[in-house]
């Protein structure tokens, strides 16, 4: 069956061939932009042959990633409405800063089985999502309809509207891992009716006897939570180092500006002060270099941990 490339691009993220990390995406206050797309190391040798099963003219993995990047760029331009961050439930810890945009949604496709977009055997577009995810995002249905419509507009075989789209909510049968957050029962992003209308709530009934303690999570569930904690720890370390580096760079900028101002002055005290500022600049520059090395290691560890977690989650789902 001939696939439409925009849908195939989504399948590459959903099936663990490609992924995005925190450092791969930027936010300008209005939209996200992708700086790079990463290939799962375990599948890199098979990626090109997999793509050529449907698109024989793909020259290389690099070209494929560029095509996918162009698809994401078009999605980010045309999907409306973007979901503001403040109407997304705080239980949903999105990896990227800013609002919920198409690129944020693609990142969610890379984590667990929360949402997937693909093309069925009859050519139909199938969107499958965990019902808890929809409950965390206000206007989820409208956003997803716009997302799929924009995907279709990028393909001549889909743009005429003749291909059916099937949305399927998957019951919340297991605790999931969504952007490295352990989630139990879903909390809706919509306000309660009493809160929305300003009506005093009914008095609460007398408390009933405490229910029986919840059964201990299964080994499969415990393994999923362990994976989530490992990925979150790796990401937290990377972000902590990144913040420390930014703070040092700001200090270094101030000192260099001060050194430049002193260079226009004369006098013995000025020379002494310039030497002291110079020593501070050298010391801070050395600290920045050390942090750069630590940050490179942390980013590599995060990427490796995340890739391993995706593989582990796929095996647990089989």
C-alpha atoms as a PDB file:
ATOM      1  CA  UNK A   1       0.000   0.000   0.000  1.00  0.00           C
ATOM      2  CA  UNK A   2       1.294   3.449  -0.946  1.00  0.00           C
ATOM      3  CA  UNK A   3       1.678   5.635   2.126  1.00  0.00           C
ATOM      4  CA  UNK A   4       1.338   9.391   2.377  1.00  0.00           C
ATOM      5  CA  UNK A   5       4.670  10.819   3.541  1.00  0.00           C
ATOM      6  CA  UNK A   6       3.297  13.150   6.277  1.00  0.00           C
ATOM      7  CA  UNK A   7       1.536  10.184   7.915  1.00  0.00           C
ATOM      8  CA  UNK A   8       4.614   8.002   7.437  1.00  0.00           C
ATOM      9  CA  UNK A   9       6.676  10.688   9.191  1.00  0.00           C
ATOM     10  CA  UNK A  10       4.370  10.425  12.227  1.00  0.00           C
ATOM     11  CA  UNK A  11       4.722   6.630  12.185  1.00  0.00           C
ATOM     12  CA  UNK A  12       8.513   6.998  12.375  1.00  0.00           C
ATOM     13  CA  UNK A  13       8.101   8.823  15.708  1.00  0.00           C
ATOM     14  CA  UNK A  14       5.349   6.536  17.013  1.00  0.00           C
ATOM     15  CA  UNK A  15       7.314   3.360  16.198  1.00  0.00           C
ATOM     16  CA  UNK A  16      10.571   4.537  17.744  1.00  0.00           C
ATOM     17  CA  UNK A  17      12.620   5.150  14.572  1.00  0.00           C
ATOM     18  CA  UNK A  18      13.010   8.895  15.262  1.00  0.00           C
ATOM     19  CA  UNK A  19      12.751  11.035  18.387  1.00  0.00           C
ATOM     20  CA  UNK A  20      13.229  14.556  19.763  1.00  0.00           C
ATOM     21  CA  UNK A  21      15.004  15.671  22.929  1.00  0.00           C
ATOM     22  CA  UNK A  22      14.747  18.874  24.959  1.00  0.00           C
ATOM     23  CA  UNK A  23      17.769  20.452  23.260  1.00  0.00           C
ATOM     24  CA  UNK A  24      16.429  19.716  19.762  1.00  0.00           C
ATOM     25  CA  UNK A  25      13.491  22.136  19.989  1.00  0.00           C
ATOM     26  CA  UNK A  26      13.317  25.909  20.563  1.00  0.00           C
ATOM     27  CA  UNK A  27      10.380  28.118  21.600  1.00  0.00           C
ATOM     28  CA  UNK A  28      10.139  31.774  20.498  1.00  0.00           C
ATOM     29  CA  UNK A  29       7.033  32.653  22.486  1.00  0.00           C
ATOM     30  CA  UNK A  30       4.648  31.818  19.630  1.00  0.00           C
ATOM     31  CA  UNK A  31       5.722  28.498  18.125  1.00  0.00           C
ATOM     32  CA  UNK A  32       8.290  25.727  18.341  1.00  0.00           C
ATOM     33  CA  UNK A  33      11.076  25.050  15.854  1.00  0.00           C
ATOM     34  CA  UNK A  34      13.115  21.874  15.383  1.00  0.00           C
ATOM     35  CA  UNK A  35      16.903  22.217  15.279  1.00  0.00           C
ATOM     36  CA  UNK A  36      17.574  18.505  14.702  1.00  0.00           C
ATOM     37  CA  UNK A  37      15.833  15.141  14.569  1.00  0.00           C
ATOM     38  CA  UNK A  38      17.515  12.151  16.196  1.00  0.00           C
ATOM     39  CA  UNK A  39      17.616   8.579  14.910  1.00  0.00           C
ATOM     40  CA  UNK A  40      17.265   5.650  17.286  1.00  0.00           C
ATOM     41  CA  UNK A  41      20.732   4.078  17.298  1.00  0.00           C
ATOM     42  CA  UNK A  42      19.257   0.565  17.452  1.00  0.00           C
ATOM     43  CA  UNK A  43      17.366   1.152  14.192  1.00  0.00           C
ATOM     44  CA  UNK A  44      19.660   3.513  12.282  1.00  0.00           C
ATOM     45  CA  UNK A  45      21.047   0.839   9.955  1.00  0.00           C
ATOM     46  CA  UNK A  46      17.544  -0.303   8.962  1.00  0.00           C
ATOM     47  CA  UNK A  47      15.901   3.123   8.737  1.00  0.00           C
ATOM     48  CA  UNK A  48      16.747   3.842   5.085  1.00  0.00           C
ATOM     49  CA  UNK A  49      15.591   0.433   3.829  1.00  0.00           C
ATOM     50  CA  UNK A  50      12.407   0.828   5.881  1.00  0.00           C
ATOM     51  CA  UNK A  51      11.721   4.218   4.270  1.00  0.00           C
ATOM     52  CA  UNK A  52      12.478   2.896   0.773  1.00  0.00           C
ATOM     53  CA  UNK A  53       9.782   0.255   1.162  1.00  0.00           C
ATOM     54  CA  UNK A  54       7.347   3.124   0.586  1.00  0.00           C
ATOM     55  CA  UNK A  55       9.476   5.935  -0.918  1.00  0.00           C
ATOM     56  CA  UNK A  56      12.187   4.621  -3.229  1.00  0.00           C
ATOM     57  CA  UNK A  57      13.715   8.041  -3.946  1.00  0.00           C
ATOM     58  CA  UNK A  58      14.945   8.783  -0.392  1.00  0.00           C
ATOM     59  CA  UNK A  59      18.742   9.245  -0.830  1.00  0.00           C
ATOM     60  CA  UNK A  60      19.907   8.903   2.795  1.00  0.00           C
ATOM     61  CA  UNK A  61      18.947   9.031   6.466  1.00  0.00           C
ATOM     62  CA  UNK A  62      19.991  12.678   6.579  1.00  0.00           C
ATOM     63  CA  UNK A  63      17.675  13.541   3.684  1.00  0.00           C
ATOM     64  CA  UNK A  64      14.853  11.595   5.324  1.00  0.00           C
ATOM     65  CA  UNK A  65      15.262  13.595   8.548  1.00  0.00           C
ATOM     66  CA  UNK A  66      15.233  16.825   6.521  1.00  0.00           C
ATOM     67  CA  UNK A  67      11.973  15.776   4.848  1.00  0.00           C
ATOM     68  CA  UNK A  68      10.474  14.948   8.240  1.00  0.00           C
ATOM     69  CA  UNK A  69      11.691  18.290   9.620  1.00  0.00           C
ATOM     70  CA  UNK A  70       9.977  20.122   6.760  1.00  0.00           C
ATOM     71  CA  UNK A  71       6.747  18.264   7.585  1.00  0.00           C
ATOM     72  CA  UNK A  72       6.957  19.388  11.226  1.00  0.00           C
ATOM     73  CA  UNK A  73       7.675  22.958  10.149  1.00  0.00           C
ATOM     74  CA  UNK A  74       4.540  23.031   7.990  1.00  0.00           C
ATOM     75  CA  UNK A  75       2.486  21.527  10.800  1.00  0.00           C
ATOM     76  CA  UNK A  76       3.691  24.177  13.218  1.00  0.00           C
ATOM     77  CA  UNK A  77       2.709  26.934  10.774  1.00  0.00           C
ATOM     78  CA  UNK A  78      -0.803  25.787   9.978  1.00  0.00           C
ATOM     79  CA  UNK A  79      -2.346  23.914  12.904  1.00  0.00           C
ATOM     80  CA  UNK A  80      -4.928  26.012  14.735  1.00  0.00           C
ATOM     81  CA  UNK A  81      -5.758  26.452  17.476  1.00  0.00           C
ATOM     82  CA  UNK A  82      -2.618  26.065  19.529  1.00  0.00           C
ATOM     83  CA  UNK A  83      -3.518  24.999  23.074  1.00  0.00           C
ATOM     84  CA  UNK A  84      -2.206  27.509  25.667  1.00  0.00           C
ATOM     85  CA  UNK A  85      -0.039  25.970  28.374  1.00  0.00           C
ATOM     86  CA  UNK A  86      -2.304  27.260  31.153  1.00  0.00           C
ATOM     87  CA  UNK A  87      -5.301  25.214  29.945  1.00  0.00           C
ATOM     88  CA  UNK A  88      -3.288  21.986  29.894  1.00  0.00           C
ATOM     89  CA  UNK A  89      -3.562  20.032  33.143  1.00  0.00           C
ATOM     90  CA  UNK A  90      -0.444  20.479  35.318  1.00  0.00           C
ATOM     91  CA  UNK A  91      -0.381  16.685  35.649  1.00  0.00           C
ATOM     92  CA  UNK A  92       0.796  16.544  32.045  1.00  0.00           C
ATOM     93  CA  UNK A  93       4.475  17.481  32.265  1.00  0.00           C
ATOM     94  CA  UNK A  94       5.317  18.477  28.694  1.00  0.00           C
ATOM     95  CA  UNK A  95       8.996  18.157  27.815  1.00  0.00           C
ATOM     96  CA  UNK A  96       9.244  21.402  25.844  1.00  0.00           C
ATOM     97  CA  UNK A  97       8.556  24.893  27.129  1.00  0.00           C
ATOM     98  CA  UNK A  98       5.699  26.945  25.692  1.00  0.00           C
ATOM     99  CA  UNK A  99       2.193  26.047  24.560  1.00  0.00           C
ATOM    100  CA  UNK A 100       0.909  22.737  23.225  1.00  0.00           C
ATOM    101  CA  UNK A 101       1.752  22.843  19.513  1.00  0.00           C
ATOM    102  CA  UNK A 102       2.123  20.131  16.838  1.00  0.00           C
ATOM    103  CA  UNK A 103       5.795  19.619  17.711  1.00  0.00           C
ATOM    104  CA  UNK A 104       4.849  19.098  21.386  1.00  0.00           C
ATOM    105  CA  UNK A 105       2.302  16.519  20.243  1.00  0.00           C
ATOM    106  CA  UNK A 106       4.931  14.717  18.147  1.00  0.00           C
ATOM    107  CA  UNK A 107       7.144  14.545  21.242  1.00  0.00           C
ATOM    108  CA  UNK A 108       4.284  12.822  23.082  1.00  0.00           C
ATOM    109  CA  UNK A 109       4.187  10.234  20.288  1.00  0.00           C
ATOM    110  CA  UNK A 110       7.776   9.315  21.184  1.00  0.00           C
ATOM    111  CA  UNK A 111       6.945   8.430  24.801  1.00  0.00           C
ATOM    112  CA  UNK A 112       5.056   5.258  25.643  1.00  0.00           C
ATOM    113  CA  UNK A 113       1.762   4.511  23.907  1.00  0.00           C
ATOM    114  CA  UNK A 114      -0.136   7.681  24.706  1.00  0.00           C
ATOM    115  CA  UNK A 115      -0.924   8.685  21.142  1.00  0.00           C
ATOM    116  CA  UNK A 116      -0.165   7.309  17.682  1.00  0.00           C
ATOM    117  CA  UNK A 117      -0.967   8.424  14.143  1.00  0.00           C
ATOM    118  CA  UNK A 118      -0.712   5.983  11.265  1.00  0.00           C
ATOM    119  CA  UNK A 119      -2.216   4.755   8.016  1.00  0.00           C
ATOM    120  CA  UNK A 120      -4.393   1.609   8.068  1.00  0.00           C
ATOM    121  CA  UNK A 121      -4.493  -1.235   5.567  1.00  0.00           C
ATOM    122  CA  UNK A 122      -7.300   0.444   3.639  1.00  0.00           C
ATOM    123  CA  UNK A 123      -5.445   3.747   3.474  1.00  0.00           C
ATOM    124  CA  UNK A 124      -7.473   5.339   6.276  1.00  0.00           C
ATOM    125  CA  UNK A 125      -5.752   7.565   8.832  1.00  0.00           C
ATOM    126  CA  UNK A 126      -5.961   6.108  12.332  1.00  0.00           C
ATOM    127  CA  UNK A 127      -5.435   8.226  15.449  1.00  0.00           C
ATOM    128  CA  UNK A 128      -5.295   6.170  18.642  1.00  0.00           C
ATOM    129  CA  UNK A 129      -4.892   7.855  22.002  1.00  0.00           C
ATOM    130  CA  UNK A 130      -5.123   7.036  25.697  1.00  0.00           C
ATOM    131  CA  UNK A 131      -8.343   8.539  27.056  1.00  0.00           C
ATOM    132  CA  UNK A 132      -6.389  10.039  29.978  1.00  0.00           C
ATOM    133  CA  UNK A 133      -4.382  12.181  27.572  1.00  0.00           C
ATOM    134  CA  UNK A 134      -7.555  13.721  26.133  1.00  0.00           C
ATOM    135  CA  UNK A 135      -8.729  14.493  29.664  1.00  0.00           C
ATOM    136  CA  UNK A 136      -5.555  16.463  30.403  1.00  0.00           C
ATOM    137  CA  UNK A 137      -5.901  18.822  27.398  1.00  0.00           C
ATOM    138  CA  UNK A 138      -8.760  21.281  26.984  1.00  0.00           C
ATOM    139  CA  UNK A 139     -10.029  21.227  23.378  1.00  0.00           C
ATOM    140  CA  UNK A 140      -8.142  18.023  22.573  1.00  0.00           C
ATOM    141  CA  UNK A 141     -10.614  16.922  19.872  1.00  0.00           C
ATOM    142  CA  UNK A 142     -10.494  20.236  18.015  1.00  0.00           C
ATOM    143  CA  UNK A 143      -6.700  20.330  18.209  1.00  0.00           C
ATOM    144  CA  UNK A 144      -6.350  16.776  16.875  1.00  0.00           C
ATOM    145  CA  UNK A 145      -8.792  17.417  14.010  1.00  0.00           C
ATOM    146  CA  UNK A 146      -6.743  20.455  12.965  1.00  0.00           C
ATOM    147  CA  UNK A 147      -3.525  18.447  13.319  1.00  0.00           C
ATOM    148  CA  UNK A 148      -4.749  15.676  10.991  1.00  0.00           C
ATOM    149  CA  UNK A 149      -6.203  18.189   8.519  1.00  0.00           C
ATOM    150  CA  UNK A 150      -2.830  19.926   8.263  1.00  0.00           C
ATOM    151  CA  UNK A 151      -1.081  16.578   7.734  1.00  0.00           C
ATOM    152  CA  UNK A 152      -3.482  15.743   4.903  1.00  0.00           C
ATOM    153  CA  UNK A 153      -2.993  19.136   3.249  1.00  0.00           C
ATOM    154  CA  UNK A 154       0.704  18.294   2.741  1.00  0.00           C
ATOM    155  CA  UNK A 155      -0.069  15.207   0.618  1.00  0.00           C
ATOM    156  CA  UNK A 156      -1.737  15.178  -2.811  1.00  0.00           C
ATOM    157  CA  UNK A 157      -3.183  11.718  -2.131  1.00  0.00           C
ATOM    158  CA  UNK A 158      -4.908  12.962   1.038  1.00  0.00           C
ATOM    159  CA  UNK A 159      -5.734  16.600   0.320  1.00  0.00           C
ATOM    160  CA  UNK A 160      -8.986  15.896  -1.566  1.00  0.00           C
ATOM    161  CA  UNK A 161     -10.655  14.670   1.625  1.00  0.00           C
ATOM    162  CA  UNK A 162     -11.526  11.243   0.215  1.00  0.00           C
ATOM    163  CA  UNK A 163      -9.536   9.348   2.883  1.00  0.00           C
ATOM    164  CA  UNK A 164     -11.359   8.547   6.099  1.00  0.00           C
ATOM    165  CA  UNK A 165      -9.957   9.483   9.508  1.00  0.00           C
ATOM    166  CA  UNK A 166     -10.672   7.214  12.468  1.00  0.00           C
ATOM    167  CA  UNK A 167     -10.227   8.488  16.033  1.00  0.00           C
ATOM    168  CA  UNK A 168     -10.031   5.741  18.640  1.00  0.00           C
ATOM    169  CA  UNK A 169      -9.830   6.352  22.391  1.00  0.00           C
ATOM    170  CA  UNK A 170      -8.002   3.590  24.231  1.00  0.00           C
ATOM    171  CA  UNK A 171      -9.273   2.825  27.772  1.00  0.00           C
ATOM    172  CA  UNK A 172      -6.960   3.687  30.633  1.00  0.00           C
ATOM    173  CA  UNK A 173      -6.236   0.106  31.641  1.00  0.00           C
ATOM    174  CA  UNK A 174      -2.672   0.633  32.856  1.00  0.00           C
ATOM    175  CA  UNK A 175      -0.764   3.464  34.550  1.00  0.00           C
ATOM    176  CA  UNK A 176       1.045   5.283  31.764  1.00  0.00           C
ATOM    177  CA  UNK A 177       4.191   7.288  31.329  1.00  0.00           C
ATOM    178  CA  UNK A 178       3.591  10.627  29.635  1.00  0.00           C
ATOM    179  CA  UNK A 179       6.624  12.878  29.271  1.00  0.00           C
ATOM    180  CA  UNK A 180       8.238  11.169  32.296  1.00  0.00           C
ATOM    181  CA  UNK A 181       5.331  11.753  34.725  1.00  0.00           C
ATOM    182  CA  UNK A 182       3.764   8.922  36.669  1.00  0.00           C
ATOM    183  CA  UNK A 183       0.005   9.336  36.295  1.00  0.00           C
ATOM    184  CA  UNK A 184      -2.810   7.610  38.126  1.00  0.00           C
ATOM    185  CA  UNK A 185      -6.445   8.554  37.649  1.00  0.00           C
ATOM    186  CA  UNK A 186      -6.864  11.294  35.055  1.00  0.00           C
ATOM    187  CA  UNK A 187      -7.829  14.812  36.118  1.00  0.00           C
ATOM    188  CA  UNK A 188      -9.803  16.783  33.568  1.00  0.00           C
ATOM    189  CA  UNK A 189      -8.405  20.131  32.414  1.00  0.00           C
ATOM    190  CA  UNK A 190     -11.962  21.549  32.349  1.00  0.00           C
ATOM    191  CA  UNK A 191     -13.344  23.322  35.459  1.00  0.00           C
ATOM    192  CA  UNK A 192     -16.069  21.668  37.489  1.00  0.00           C
ATOM    193  CA  UNK A 193     -19.602  22.954  36.661  1.00  0.00           C
ATOM    194  CA  UNK A 194     -19.986  24.601  40.088  1.00  0.00           C
ATOM    195  CA  UNK A 195     -16.700  26.463  39.668  1.00  0.00           C
ATOM    196  CA  UNK A 196     -17.577  27.634  36.165  1.00  0.00           C
ATOM    197  CA  UNK A 197     -20.993  29.021  37.173  1.00  0.00           C
ATOM    198  CA  UNK A 198     -20.028  30.437  40.550  1.00  0.00           C
ATOM    199  CA  UNK A 199     -22.519  28.158  42.332  1.00  0.00           C
ATOM    200  CA  UNK A 200     -21.923  27.031  45.881  1.00  0.00           C
ATOM    201  CA  UNK A 201     -21.232  23.278  45.903  1.00  0.00           C
ATOM    202  CA  UNK A 202     -23.533  20.900  47.706  1.00  0.00           C
ATOM    203  CA  UNK A 203     -22.385  19.944  51.215  1.00  0.00           C
ATOM    204  CA  UNK A 204     -20.277  16.844  51.178  1.00  0.00           C
ATOM    205  CA  UNK A 205     -21.875  13.687  52.573  1.00  0.00           C
ATOM    206  CA  UNK A 206     -20.589  12.023  55.690  1.00  0.00           C
ATOM    207  CA  UNK A 207     -17.382  10.128  55.009  1.00  0.00           C
ATOM    208  CA  UNK A 208     -17.806   6.457  54.324  1.00  0.00           C
ATOM    209  CA  UNK A 209     -15.582   3.755  55.741  1.00  0.00           C
ATOM    210  CA  UNK A 210     -12.140   3.688  54.191  1.00  0.00           C
ATOM    211  CA  UNK A 211     -11.963   1.394  51.159  1.00  0.00           C
ATOM    212  CA  UNK A 212      -9.728  -1.602  51.004  1.00  0.00           C
ATOM    213  CA  UNK A 213      -6.097  -0.724  50.209  1.00  0.00           C
ATOM    214  CA  UNK A 214      -5.274  -0.737  46.509  1.00  0.00           C
ATOM    215  CA  UNK A 215      -3.581  -3.894  45.274  1.00  0.00           C
ATOM    216  CA  UNK A 216       0.160  -3.786  44.817  1.00  0.00           C
ATOM    217  CA  UNK A 217       1.120  -2.778  41.245  1.00  0.00           C
ATOM    218  CA  UNK A 218       2.049  -5.639  38.977  1.00  0.00           C
ATOM    219  CA  UNK A 219       5.662  -6.277  38.011  1.00  0.00           C
ATOM    220  CA  UNK A 220       4.939  -4.784  34.573  1.00  0.00           C
ATOM    221  CA  UNK A 221       3.509  -1.606  36.104  1.00  0.00           C
ATOM    222  CA  UNK A 222       6.421  -1.271  38.525  1.00  0.00           C
ATOM    223  CA  UNK A 223       8.874  -1.628  35.642  1.00  0.00           C
ATOM    224  CA  UNK A 224       7.121   1.159  33.718  1.00  0.00           C
ATOM    225  CA  UNK A 225       7.339   3.464  36.733  1.00  0.00           C
ATOM    226  CA  UNK A 226      11.015   2.587  37.209  1.00  0.00           C
ATOM    227  CA  UNK A 227      11.712   3.494  33.571  1.00  0.00           C
ATOM    228  CA  UNK A 228       9.873   6.804  34.018  1.00  0.00           C
ATOM    229  CA  UNK A 229      11.980   7.681  37.063  1.00  0.00           C
ATOM    230  CA  UNK A 230      15.238   6.859  35.264  1.00  0.00           C
ATOM    231  CA  UNK A 231      14.392   9.075  32.279  1.00  0.00           C
ATOM    232  CA  UNK A 232      13.207  11.909  34.500  1.00  0.00           C
ATOM    233  CA  UNK A 233      16.407  11.751  36.590  1.00  0.00           C
ATOM    234  CA  UNK A 234      18.550  11.949  33.431  1.00  0.00           C
ATOM    235  CA  UNK A 235      16.541  14.886  32.102  1.00  0.00           C
ATOM    236  CA  UNK A 236      16.629  16.731  35.453  1.00  0.00           C
ATOM    237  CA  UNK A 237      20.424  16.425  35.608  1.00  0.00           C
ATOM    238  CA  UNK A 238      20.756  17.764  32.049  1.00  0.00           C
ATOM    239  CA  UNK A 239      18.469  20.735  32.798  1.00  0.00           C
ATOM    240  CA  UNK A 240      20.254  21.506  36.088  1.00  0.00           C
ATOM    241  CA  UNK A 241      23.624  21.685  34.319  1.00  0.00           C
ATOM    242  CA  UNK A 242      22.137  23.784  31.521  1.00  0.00           C
ATOM    243  CA  UNK A 243      20.755  26.332  34.023  1.00  0.00           C
ATOM    244  CA  UNK A 244      24.102  26.483  35.848  1.00  0.00           C
ATOM    245  CA  UNK A 245      25.900  27.119  32.555  1.00  0.00           C
ATOM    246  CA  UNK A 246      23.525  29.950  31.619  1.00  0.00           C
ATOM    247  CA  UNK A 247      24.078  31.568  35.025  1.00  0.00           C
ATOM    248  CA  UNK A 248      27.863  31.433  34.584  1.00  0.00           C
ATOM    249  CA  UNK A 249      27.657  32.843  31.072  1.00  0.00           C
ATOM    250  CA  UNK A 250      25.625  35.791  32.387  1.00  0.00           C
ATOM    251  CA  UNK A 251      28.280  36.474  35.052  1.00  0.00           C
ATOM    252  CA  UNK A 252      30.989  36.205  32.422  1.00  0.00           C
ATOM    253  CA  UNK A 253      29.182  38.700  30.191  1.00  0.00           C
ATOM    254  CA  UNK A 254      29.000  41.227  33.048  1.00  0.00           C
ATOM    255  CA  UNK A 255      32.703  40.856  33.847  1.00  0.00           C
ATOM    256  CA  UNK A 256      33.750  41.226  30.211  1.00  0.00           C
ATOM    257  CA  UNK A 257      31.657  44.370  29.915  1.00  0.00           C
ATOM    258  CA  UNK A 258      33.296  45.739  33.057  1.00  0.00           C
ATOM    259  CA  UNK A 259      36.762  44.881  31.711  1.00  0.00           C
ATOM    260  CA  UNK A 260      35.955  46.705  28.477  1.00  0.00           C
ATOM    261  CA  UNK A 261      34.869  49.827  30.397  1.00  0.00           C
ATOM    262  CA  UNK A 262      38.044  49.796  32.513  1.00  0.00           C
ATOM    263  CA  UNK A 263      40.212  49.565  29.401  1.00  0.00           C
ATOM    264  CA  UNK A 264      39.136  53.106  28.482  1.00  0.00           C
ATOM    265  CA  UNK A 265      40.366  54.484  31.807  1.00  0.00           C
ATOM    266  CA  UNK A 266      43.825  55.351  33.095  1.00  0.00           C
ATOM    267  CA  UNK A 267      45.599  55.109  36.453  1.00  0.00           C
ATOM    268  CA  UNK A 268      47.287  52.600  38.698  1.00  0.00           C
ATOM    269  CA  UNK A 269      44.080  51.589  40.525  1.00  0.00           C
ATOM    270  CA  UNK A 270      42.439  50.925  37.163  1.00  0.00           C
ATOM    271  CA  UNK A 271      45.282  48.627  36.115  1.00  0.00           C
ATOM    272  CA  UNK A 272      45.021  46.667  39.379  1.00  0.00           C
ATOM    273  CA  UNK A 273      41.251  46.349  39.040  1.00  0.00           C
ATOM    274  CA  UNK A 274      41.568  45.244  35.412  1.00  0.00           C
ATOM    275  CA  UNK A 275      43.975  42.497  36.444  1.00  0.00           C
ATOM    276  CA  UNK A 276      41.568  41.285  39.120  1.00  0.00           C
ATOM    277  CA  UNK A 277      38.638  41.300  36.674  1.00  0.00           C
ATOM    278  CA  UNK A 278      40.807  39.448  34.156  1.00  0.00           C
ATOM    279  CA  UNK A 279      41.566  36.731  36.722  1.00  0.00           C
ATOM    280  CA  UNK A 280      37.850  36.397  37.457  1.00  0.00           C
ATOM    281  CA  UNK A 281      37.120  36.088  33.730  1.00  0.00           C
ATOM    282  CA  UNK A 282      39.741  33.342  33.359  1.00  0.00           C
ATOM    283  CA  UNK A 283      38.342  31.447  36.341  1.00  0.00           C
ATOM    284  CA  UNK A 284      34.756  31.683  35.112  1.00  0.00           C
ATOM    285  CA  UNK A 285      35.789  30.674  31.585  1.00  0.00           C
ATOM    286  CA  UNK A 286      37.381  27.532  33.015  1.00  0.00           C
ATOM    287  CA  UNK A 287      34.198  26.721  34.930  1.00  0.00           C
ATOM    288  CA  UNK A 288      32.128  27.177  31.776  1.00  0.00           C
ATOM    289  CA  UNK A 289      34.438  24.804  29.873  1.00  0.00           C
ATOM    290  CA  UNK A 290      34.035  22.193  32.632  1.00  0.00           C
ATOM    291  CA  UNK A 291      30.250  22.597  32.575  1.00  0.00           C
ATOM    292  CA  UNK A 292      30.255  22.251  28.778  1.00  0.00           C
ATOM    293  CA  UNK A 293      31.930  18.854  29.108  1.00  0.00           C
ATOM    294  CA  UNK A 294      29.543  17.756  31.873  1.00  0.00           C
ATOM    295  CA  UNK A 295      26.555  18.969  29.869  1.00  0.00           C
ATOM    296  CA  UNK A 296      27.677  17.052  26.769  1.00  0.00           C
ATOM    297  CA  UNK A 297      27.969  13.896  28.869  1.00  0.00           C
ATOM    298  CA  UNK A 298      24.570  14.528  30.480  1.00  0.00           C
ATOM    299  CA  UNK A 299      22.890  15.066  27.102  1.00  0.00           C
ATOM    300  CA  UNK A 300      24.412  11.867  25.768  1.00  0.00           C
ATOM    301  CA  UNK A 301      23.324   9.962  28.891  1.00  0.00           C
ATOM    302  CA  UNK A 302      19.811  11.381  28.562  1.00  0.00           C
ATOM    303  CA  UNK A 303      19.569  10.428  24.884  1.00  0.00           C
ATOM    304  CA  UNK A 304      20.817   6.909  25.607  1.00  0.00           C
ATOM    305  CA  UNK A 305      18.504   6.492  28.617  1.00  0.00           C
ATOM    306  CA  UNK A 306      15.539   7.747  26.631  1.00  0.00           C
ATOM    307  CA  UNK A 307      16.243   5.490  23.645  1.00  0.00           C
ATOM    308  CA  UNK A 308      16.612   2.506  25.971  1.00  0.00           C
ATOM    309  CA  UNK A 309      13.357   3.420  27.724  1.00  0.00           C
ATOM    310  CA  UNK A 310      11.459   3.523  24.436  1.00  0.00           C
ATOM    311  CA  UNK A 311      12.720   0.058  23.563  1.00  0.00           C
ATOM    312  CA  UNK A 312      11.822  -1.253  27.012  1.00  0.00           C
ATOM    313  CA  UNK A 313       8.321   0.225  26.814  1.00  0.00           C
ATOM    314  CA  UNK A 314       7.774  -1.338  23.399  1.00  0.00           C
ATOM    315  CA  UNK A 315       8.794  -4.755  24.762  1.00  0.00           C
ATOM    316  CA  UNK A 316       6.506  -4.352  27.773  1.00  0.00           C
ATOM    317  CA  UNK A 317       3.631  -3.508  25.450  1.00  0.00           C
ATOM    318  CA  UNK A 318       4.102  -6.671  23.368  1.00  0.00           C
END
